[in-house]
Amino acid sequence: MPRPSWTTVVPLLAAIALAPAWFTHPGNVVLSGLAVLLVGAVLAAVHHAEVVAHRVGEPYGSLVLAVAVTIIEVALIVTLMVTTDKDTAGLARDTVFAAVMITVNGIVGISLLIGALKHHLAVFNPEGTGAALATVVALAVLCLVVPSVTTSEPGPEFTGVQLAFAAVASLTLYGMFVFTQTIRHRDFFLPVAAEQYVPVVARDADTAAGRSPEAAGATGSSGSFEHEPVDLDEDGHADPPTNRAALASLGLLVVSLVAVVGLAKVESPAIEAGVAALGYPAAVVGVAIALLVLAPETIAAVRAASRNRVQVSLNLALGSAMASIGLTIPAIAVASIWLDGPLELGLNQLQTVLLLLTAAVAILTVVPGRAKTLQGGVHLVLFVSFLFLTIAP
């Protein structure tokens, strides 16, 4: 009988260790061990999410992981807001904003950089990616910028009616995008191959000269580009897992995510204490939470980019940013009915500038449908700038 793999054992161990740790105050040695299990649970979640994604195919696979990670984020934010004695008025804002900056700059940047380094150009579908980016920008401005400029409530807060409207609008935008991604225009979110970018201007000229379209594509002439999506899961790669294996991975994915949420909650006091000891702003806690819950997305995106599937990486990044706002804000809005204290969602001036700069750069990156290492480097510099300015605003 074959021995179970680590991707099966680690989530179960993490879930078992969570039970006693949840009701006690573990010491530093125990916390170190739990931190190792937490990292293992994150890696296991990536593995099982990829198995499920391989079974259901793109773009459903990216959607599975994005929603799963957002569930972690929502549960963690609500848990911390309910259980901690510290001021958590800006925790949801800091975490959601950090998630947007990590995904749109960090994950997108490293994916484009790796894809371009390994395959000369990082190629993706601008129609699908542009639609995702437009939805992310609309959600981010509506939920994170608008609260700072409304006048019905003092400070960066929504009134109850405004928060309800923002929650409904967020769910509507997210639902419309999911319908577009999975049903109406699914082909816009499938991986594309670099050789399918054939210059239209050169193709027309070469056709008139009696040469084939393939020869036109080899000329490297400039012009607009046409492409057709390719489903790489059906082009001779390894067969998708069986239904039984996919269901087993789905169950272990749920266990892994529960373990990640629980262990992150157990580790959060140590994170908060460390941030306070270093003298960093409270917003760093939100960044730490976002980095933690987005670790599965980051690893999966890097793997996809290294396999020349940059579209999958962008689906993961922008889908996570979208879900982080479109699902987290409505969940927090509902939770605020029972939570005491204010809920600050509006960004300050520095954060607003970083968000708008990120949006402008991302638009310029997406429009061509392909990127060089430069674009990846620009996004990564913005990501590092965000981290630095969060610590030293």
Protein backbone atom coordinates (compact mmCIF):
# COMPACT_ATOMS: atom_id res chain seq x y z
CA MET A 1 0.00 0.00 0.00
CA PRO A 2 1.57 3.35 -1.04
CA ARG A 3 2.33 5.82 1.70
CA PRO A 4 0.28 9.05 1.68
CA SER A 5 2.04 12.07 0.24
CA TRP A 6 2.96 15.16 2.24
CA THR A 7 0.15 17.07 0.53
CA THR A 8 -2.27 14.72 2.30
CA VAL A 9 -0.50 14.47 5.65
CA VAL A 10 0.35 18.15 6.23
CA PRO A 11 -3.20 19.57 5.95
CA LEU A 12 -4.49 16.89 8.32
CA LEU A 13 -1.69 17.55 10.82
CA ALA A 14 -2.32 21.28 10.59
CA ALA A 15 -6.04 20.81 11.22
CA ILE A 16 -5.33 18.51 14.18
CA ALA A 17 -2.80 20.95 15.67
CA LEU A 18 -5.27 23.80 15.24
CA ALA A 19 -7.80 22.40 17.71
CA PRO A 20 -5.73 22.70 20.92
CA ALA A 21 -3.90 25.84 19.74
CA TRP A 22 -7.19 27.69 19.17
CA PHE A 23 -8.22 27.49 22.83
CA THR A 24 -4.81 28.06 24.42
CA HIS A 25 -2.01 30.60 24.36
CA PRO A 26 0.93 28.67 22.88
CA GLY A 27 4.49 29.69 23.65
CA ASN A 28 7.13 30.76 21.17
CA VAL A 29 8.38 27.24 20.49
CA VAL A 30 4.89 25.96 19.75
CA LEU A 31 4.16 29.02 17.62
CA SER A 32 7.28 28.28 15.56
CA GLY A 33 6.06 24.75 14.93
CA LEU A 34 2.60 26.01 14.01
CA ALA A 35 4.19 28.49 11.62
CA VAL A 36 5.88 25.59 9.81
CA LEU A 37 2.55 23.78 9.57
CA LEU A 38 0.96 26.99 8.31
CA VAL A 39 3.48 27.26 5.47
CA GLY A 40 2.97 23.58 4.68
CA ALA A 41 -0.81 24.06 4.61
CA VAL A 42 -0.42 26.96 2.19
CA LEU A 43 1.76 24.87 -0.14
CA ALA A 44 -0.66 21.96 0.11
CA ALA A 45 -3.54 24.27 -0.74
CA VAL A 46 -1.69 25.33 -3.89
CA HIS A 47 -1.18 21.71 -4.92
CA HIS A 48 -4.79 20.66 -4.37
CA ALA A 49 -6.14 23.81 -6.01
CA GLU A 50 -4.01 23.04 -9.08
CA VAL A 51 -5.37 19.47 -9.18
CA VAL A 52 -8.93 20.78 -9.08
CA ALA A 53 -8.07 23.45 -11.63
CA HIS A 54 -6.59 20.84 -13.98
CA ARG A 55 -9.77 18.81 -13.71
CA VAL A 56 -12.22 21.65 -14.39
CA GLY A 57 -9.96 23.47 -16.88
CA GLU A 58 -9.38 27.16 -17.44
CA PRO A 59 -10.67 29.68 -16.56
CA TYR A 60 -12.64 27.80 -13.90
CA GLY A 61 -9.45 26.64 -12.18
CA SER A 62 -8.24 30.18 -11.60
CA LEU A 63 -11.68 31.09 -10.27
CA VAL A 64 -11.61 28.19 -7.79
CA LEU A 65 -8.33 29.32 -6.23
CA ALA A 66 -9.28 33.02 -6.25
CA VAL A 67 -12.55 32.39 -4.42
CA ALA A 68 -10.90 29.95 -2.01
CA VAL A 69 -8.21 32.45 -1.07
CA THR A 70 -10.80 35.20 -0.64
CA ILE A 71 -12.71 32.99 1.78
CA ILE A 72 -9.52 32.80 3.84
CA GLU A 73 -9.18 36.58 3.77
CA VAL A 74 -12.78 37.29 4.76
CA ALA A 75 -12.75 34.74 7.56
CA LEU A 76 -9.47 36.04 8.91
CA ILE A 77 -10.54 39.70 8.85
CA VAL A 78 -13.87 39.01 10.53
CA THR A 79 -12.25 36.74 13.11
CA LEU A 80 -9.66 39.36 14.03
CA MET A 81 -12.26 42.11 14.19
CA VAL A 82 -14.42 40.03 16.53
CA THR A 83 -11.73 38.60 18.81
CA THR A 84 -9.08 41.32 19.16
CA ASP A 85 -9.24 44.14 21.69
CA LYS A 86 -7.25 46.52 19.50
CA ASP A 87 -8.61 49.12 17.10
CA THR A 88 -9.60 47.31 13.91
CA ALA A 89 -11.52 50.10 12.16
CA GLY A 90 -9.07 50.14 9.25
CA LEU A 91 -8.14 46.45 9.17
CA ALA A 92 -10.48 45.54 6.29
CA ARG A 93 -9.31 48.55 4.24
CA ASP A 94 -5.62 47.87 4.87
CA THR A 95 -5.97 44.18 4.02
CA VAL A 96 -8.03 44.70 0.86
CA PHE A 97 -5.76 47.51 -0.37
CA ALA A 98 -2.71 45.35 0.32
CA ALA A 99 -4.31 42.48 -1.59
CA VAL A 100 -4.86 44.74 -4.61
CA MET A 101 -1.28 46.02 -4.56
CA ILE A 102 0.17 42.54 -4.03
CA THR A 103 -1.83 41.00 -6.87
CA VAL A 104 -1.77 43.79 -9.46
CA ASN A 105 1.88 44.72 -8.85
CA GLY A 106 3.55 41.82 -7.05
CA ILE A 107 1.97 38.75 -8.68
CA VAL A 108 1.50 40.37 -12.08
CA GLY A 109 5.03 41.76 -11.99
CA ILE A 110 6.79 38.53 -11.09
CA SER A 111 4.64 36.55 -13.55
CA LEU A 112 5.47 38.88 -16.44
CA LEU A 113 9.14 38.96 -15.47
CA ILE A 114 9.47 35.17 -15.30
CA GLY A 115 7.39 34.63 -18.42
CA ALA A 116 9.45 37.12 -20.43
CA LEU A 117 12.79 35.87 -19.12
CA LYS A 118 12.03 32.23 -19.92
CA HIS A 119 10.09 32.69 -23.15
CA HIS A 120 11.34 36.01 -24.56
CA LEU A 121 7.87 37.57 -24.32
CA ALA A 122 5.02 37.12 -21.85
CA VAL A 123 1.95 36.69 -24.05
CA PHE A 124 -1.66 36.97 -22.87
CA ASN A 125 -5.11 37.88 -24.14
CA PRO A 126 -5.68 41.64 -23.84
CA GLU A 127 -9.45 41.34 -24.20
CA GLY A 128 -9.93 39.13 -21.17
CA THR A 129 -7.16 40.67 -19.10
CA GLY A 130 -8.37 44.17 -19.91
CA ALA A 131 -11.91 43.29 -18.82
CA ALA A 132 -10.59 41.91 -15.54
CA LEU A 133 -8.43 44.97 -14.94
CA ALA A 134 -11.32 47.35 -15.67
CA THR A 135 -13.45 45.54 -13.09
CA VAL A 136 -10.65 45.65 -10.50
CA VAL A 137 -10.12 49.39 -11.00
CA ALA A 138 -13.85 50.13 -10.79
CA LEU A 139 -14.21 48.09 -7.59
CA ALA A 140 -11.11 49.59 -5.99
CA VAL A 141 -12.12 53.20 -6.64
CA LEU A 142 -15.74 52.66 -5.64
CA CYS A 143 -14.96 50.86 -2.37
CA LEU A 144 -11.61 52.35 -1.33
CA VAL A 145 -11.39 55.86 -2.78
CA VAL A 146 -14.98 57.10 -2.76
CA PRO A 147 -15.42 56.75 1.05
CA SER A 148 -12.73 59.41 1.54
CA VAL A 149 -14.59 61.99 -0.54
CA THR A 150 -18.22 61.43 0.50
CA THR A 151 -19.67 64.07 2.83
CA SER A 152 -22.58 62.31 4.56
CA GLU A 153 -20.27 60.74 7.15
CA PRO A 154 -17.17 62.42 8.64
CA GLY A 155 -13.89 60.66 8.00
CA PRO A 156 -13.12 57.87 5.50
CA GLU A 157 -16.39 56.03 6.19
CA PHE A 158 -19.59 55.16 4.39
CA THR A 159 -22.98 55.68 5.93
CA GLY A 160 -25.05 52.54 6.38
CA VAL A 161 -26.96 53.17 3.15
CA GLN A 162 -23.78 53.95 1.23
CA LEU A 163 -22.09 50.80 2.52
CA ALA A 164 -25.10 48.72 1.47
CA PHE A 165 -25.01 50.30 -1.99
CA ALA A 166 -21.25 49.64 -2.32
CA ALA A 167 -21.78 46.02 -1.25
CA VAL A 168 -24.54 45.45 -3.83
CA ALA A 169 -22.54 47.21 -6.55
CA SER A 170 -19.47 45.09 -5.72
CA LEU A 171 -21.42 41.84 -5.91
CA THR A 172 -23.02 42.95 -9.17
CA LEU A 173 -19.70 43.77 -10.81
CA TYR A 174 -18.12 40.56 -9.58
CA GLY A 175 -21.09 38.48 -10.74
CA MET A 176 -21.02 40.11 -14.17
CA PHE A 177 -17.32 39.38 -14.51
CA VAL A 178 -17.68 35.74 -13.47
CA PHE A 179 -20.48 35.30 -16.03
CA THR A 180 -18.25 36.85 -18.70
CA GLN A 181 -15.22 34.78 -17.72
CA THR A 182 -16.91 31.40 -17.45
CA ILE A 183 -19.85 31.54 -19.86
CA ARG A 184 -20.23 34.47 -22.22
CA HIS A 185 -16.61 35.00 -23.32
CA ARG A 186 -14.68 32.12 -21.78
CA ASP A 187 -12.27 32.03 -24.73
CA PHE A 188 -10.89 35.45 -23.76
CA PHE A 189 -9.42 33.96 -20.58
CA LEU A 190 -7.72 30.88 -22.02
CA PRO A 191 -3.92 30.75 -22.46
CA VAL A 192 -2.58 31.95 -25.79
CA ALA A 193 0.59 30.94 -27.64
CA ALA A 194 3.21 33.44 -28.77
CA GLU A 195 3.34 32.03 -32.29
CA GLN A 196 -0.32 32.93 -32.75
CA TYR A 197 0.48 36.64 -32.74
CA VAL A 198 0.70 37.18 -36.48
CA PRO A 199 1.05 40.80 -37.65
CA VAL A 200 -2.08 41.69 -39.61
CA VAL A 201 -0.40 44.39 -41.72
CA ALA A 202 2.42 42.05 -42.74
CA ARG A 203 -0.04 39.21 -43.32
CA ASP A 204 -2.08 41.30 -45.76
CA ALA A 205 1.02 42.42 -47.63
CA ASP A 206 2.47 38.93 -47.86
CA THR A 207 -0.85 37.45 -48.91
CA ALA A 208 -0.97 39.94 -51.77
CA ALA A 209 2.59 38.87 -52.67
CA GLY A 210 1.59 35.23 -52.71
CA ARG A 211 3.29 34.21 -49.45
CA SER A 212 1.65 32.22 -46.69
CA PRO A 213 0.34 33.74 -43.43
CA GLU A 214 2.98 31.71 -41.59
CA ALA A 215 5.69 33.48 -43.57
CA ALA A 216 4.08 36.80 -42.73
CA GLY A 217 4.24 35.94 -39.06
CA ALA A 218 7.92 35.21 -39.37
CA THR A 219 8.75 38.65 -40.72
CA GLY A 220 8.29 40.37 -37.37
CA SER A 221 6.67 43.41 -38.98
CA SER A 222 4.80 45.84 -36.81
CA GLY A 223 1.04 46.23 -36.76
CA SER A 224 -2.03 45.14 -34.84
CA PHE A 225 -2.12 41.56 -33.64
CA GLU A 226 -4.71 38.83 -33.90
CA HIS A 227 -4.70 35.66 -31.86
CA GLU A 228 -6.83 32.67 -31.01
CA PRO A 229 -6.95 31.15 -27.55
CA VAL A 230 -5.37 27.80 -26.93
CA ASP A 231 -6.53 25.40 -24.24
CA LEU A 232 -3.19 23.93 -23.25
CA ASP A 233 -4.85 21.27 -21.09
CA GLU A 234 -5.96 19.52 -24.28
CA ASP A 235 -2.84 19.65 -26.40
CA GLY A 236 -1.12 16.46 -25.39
CA HIS A 237 -0.11 17.37 -21.86
CA ALA A 238 -0.73 15.04 -18.94
CA ASP A 239 -4.34 13.88 -18.71
CA PRO A 240 -6.55 15.61 -16.14
CA PRO A 241 -6.97 13.76 -12.83
CA THR A 242 -9.90 11.42 -12.33
CA ASN A 243 -13.09 12.60 -10.70
CA ARG A 244 -12.15 10.67 -7.56
CA ALA A 245 -8.73 12.32 -7.34
CA ALA A 246 -10.24 15.75 -7.99
CA LEU A 247 -12.86 15.27 -5.26
CA ALA A 248 -10.18 14.10 -2.83
CA SER A 249 -8.12 17.20 -3.62
CA LEU A 250 -11.20 19.39 -3.23
CA GLY A 251 -11.76 17.97 0.25
CA LEU A 252 -8.11 18.42 1.20
CA LEU A 253 -8.19 21.95 -0.24
CA VAL A 254 -11.02 22.80 2.15
CA VAL A 255 -9.09 21.26 5.06
CA SER A 256 -5.97 23.21 4.06
CA LEU A 257 -7.85 26.49 3.86
CA VAL A 258 -9.49 25.95 7.25
CA ALA A 259 -6.07 25.19 8.72
CA VAL A 260 -4.58 28.31 7.12
CA VAL A 261 -7.35 30.54 8.49
CA GLY A 262 -7.16 29.02 11.96
CA LEU A 263 -3.38 28.97 12.24
CA ALA A 264 -3.14 32.50 10.88
CA LYS A 265 -5.51 33.60 13.64
CA VAL A 266 -3.34 31.82 16.21
CA GLU A 267 -0.22 33.48 14.81
CA SER A 268 -1.81 36.94 14.50
CA PRO A 269 -1.02 38.09 18.08
CA ALA A 270 2.64 37.30 17.46
CA ILE A 271 2.47 39.23 14.17
CA GLU A 272 0.83 42.22 15.87
CA ALA A 273 3.37 42.13 18.70
CA GLY A 274 6.24 41.98 16.24
CA VAL A 275 4.86 44.92 14.24
CA ALA A 276 4.43 46.95 17.45
CA ALA A 277 7.92 46.05 18.68
CA LEU A 278 9.43 47.26 15.42
CA GLY A 279 7.48 50.50 15.66
CA TYR A 280 5.75 49.99 12.32
CA PRO A 281 2.28 51.44 11.53
CA ALA A 282 -0.79 49.32 12.18
CA ALA A 283 -1.36 49.02 8.41
CA VAL A 284 1.58 46.58 8.29
CA VAL A 285 -0.66 44.01 10.00
CA GLY A 286 -3.05 44.16 7.06
CA VAL A 287 -0.14 43.75 4.65
CA ALA A 288 1.10 40.71 6.59
CA ILE A 289 -2.36 39.13 6.46
CA ALA A 290 -2.66 39.77 2.72
CA LEU A 291 0.83 38.36 2.03
CA LEU A 292 -0.06 35.26 4.00
CA VAL A 293 -3.40 34.51 2.36
CA LEU A 294 -2.10 35.30 -1.15
CA ALA A 295 0.88 32.96 -0.87
CA PRO A 296 -1.01 30.13 -2.65
CA GLU A 297 -1.95 32.47 -5.50
CA THR A 298 1.61 33.74 -5.86
CA ILE A 299 3.14 30.27 -6.04
CA ALA A 300 0.52 29.03 -8.51
CA ALA A 301 0.96 32.13 -10.70
CA VAL A 302 4.75 31.78 -10.79
CA ARG A 303 4.45 28.12 -11.77
CA ALA A 304 2.02 28.97 -14.55
CA ALA A 305 4.26 31.75 -15.89
CA SER A 306 7.29 29.46 -15.94
CA ARG A 307 5.26 27.06 -18.12
CA ASN A 308 4.46 29.85 -20.59
CA ARG A 309 0.87 30.14 -19.33
CA VAL A 310 0.96 33.82 -18.39
CA GLN A 311 -2.76 34.18 -19.03
CA VAL A 312 -3.39 31.76 -16.16
CA SER A 313 -1.11 33.87 -13.95
CA LEU A 314 -3.01 37.03 -14.81
CA ASN A 315 -6.34 35.27 -14.28
CA LEU A 316 -5.15 34.32 -10.81
CA ALA A 317 -3.78 37.76 -9.95
CA LEU A 318 -6.63 39.92 -11.21
CA GLY A 319 -9.25 37.40 -10.16
CA SER A 320 -7.89 37.48 -6.62
CA ALA A 321 -7.84 41.29 -6.57
CA MET A 322 -11.40 41.36 -7.83
CA ALA A 323 -12.64 38.75 -5.39
CA SER A 324 -10.78 40.42 -2.55
CA ILE A 325 -12.86 43.56 -3.06
CA GLY A 326 -16.03 42.20 -4.61
CA LEU A 327 -16.56 39.53 -1.96
CA THR A 328 -14.75 40.93 1.08
CA ILE A 329 -16.50 44.30 1.17
CA PRO A 330 -20.03 42.78 1.07
CA ALA A 331 -19.04 40.25 3.74
CA ILE A 332 -17.63 42.98 5.98
CA ALA A 333 -20.73 45.09 5.33
CA VAL A 334 -22.93 42.26 6.63
CA ALA A 335 -20.58 41.61 9.55
CA SER A 336 -20.62 45.30 10.49
CA ILE A 337 -24.24 44.87 11.59
CA TRP A 338 -22.96 42.92 14.59
CA LEU A 339 -19.54 44.54 14.96
CA ASP A 340 -19.03 47.50 17.25
CA GLY A 341 -17.07 50.57 16.25
CA PRO A 342 -16.50 52.40 12.95
CA LEU A 343 -15.56 50.77 9.65
CA GLU A 344 -13.01 52.90 7.80
CA LEU A 345 -12.73 51.96 4.13
CA GLY A 346 -11.35 55.14 2.54
CA LEU A 347 -7.68 55.32 1.58
CA ASN A 348 -5.42 58.19 2.59
CA GLN A 349 -3.76 60.43 0.01
CA LEU A 350 -0.58 58.35 -0.28
CA GLN A 351 -2.51 55.11 -0.77
CA THR A 352 -4.79 56.76 -3.33
CA VAL A 353 -1.81 57.97 -5.36
CA LEU A 354 -0.27 54.48 -5.31
CA LEU A 355 -3.57 52.92 -6.40
CA LEU A 356 -4.08 55.34 -9.30
CA LEU A 357 -0.45 54.96 -10.41
CA THR A 358 -0.86 51.20 -10.33
CA ALA A 359 -4.04 51.44 -12.42
CA ALA A 360 -2.35 53.63 -15.05
CA VAL A 361 0.69 51.35 -15.35
CA ALA A 362 -1.46 48.21 -15.47
CA ILE A 363 -3.56 49.63 -18.31
CA LEU A 364 -0.45 50.36 -20.36
CA THR A 365 0.85 46.86 -19.62
CA VAL A 366 -2.35 45.08 -20.67
CA VAL A 367 -3.19 46.93 -23.89
CA PRO A 368 -0.52 45.33 -26.18
CA GLY A 369 -1.31 41.75 -25.14
CA ARG A 370 2.34 40.92 -24.57
CA ALA A 371 5.02 42.18 -22.21
CA LYS A 372 8.78 42.33 -21.91
CA THR A 373 10.83 42.05 -18.75
CA LEU A 374 10.60 45.84 -18.42
CA GLN A 375 6.88 45.77 -17.68
CA GLY A 376 7.37 43.09 -15.06
CA GLY A 377 10.15 45.13 -13.48
CA VAL A 378 8.00 48.28 -13.37
CA HIS A 379 5.21 46.47 -11.52
CA LEU A 380 7.69 44.95 -9.07
CA VAL A 381 9.20 48.37 -8.33
CA LEU A 382 5.70 49.67 -7.57
CA PHE A 383 5.14 46.68 -5.30
CA VAL A 384 8.36 47.30 -3.38
CA SER A 385 7.46 50.99 -3.17
CA PHE A 386 4.13 50.04 -1.63
CA LEU A 387 5.84 47.85 0.98
CA PHE A 388 8.42 50.53 1.81
CA LEU A 389 5.88 53.36 2.06
CA THR A 390 3.63 51.22 4.24
CA ILE A 391 6.49 50.83 6.74
CA ALA A 392 7.75 54.41 6.34
CA PRO A 393 4.79 56.54 5.21
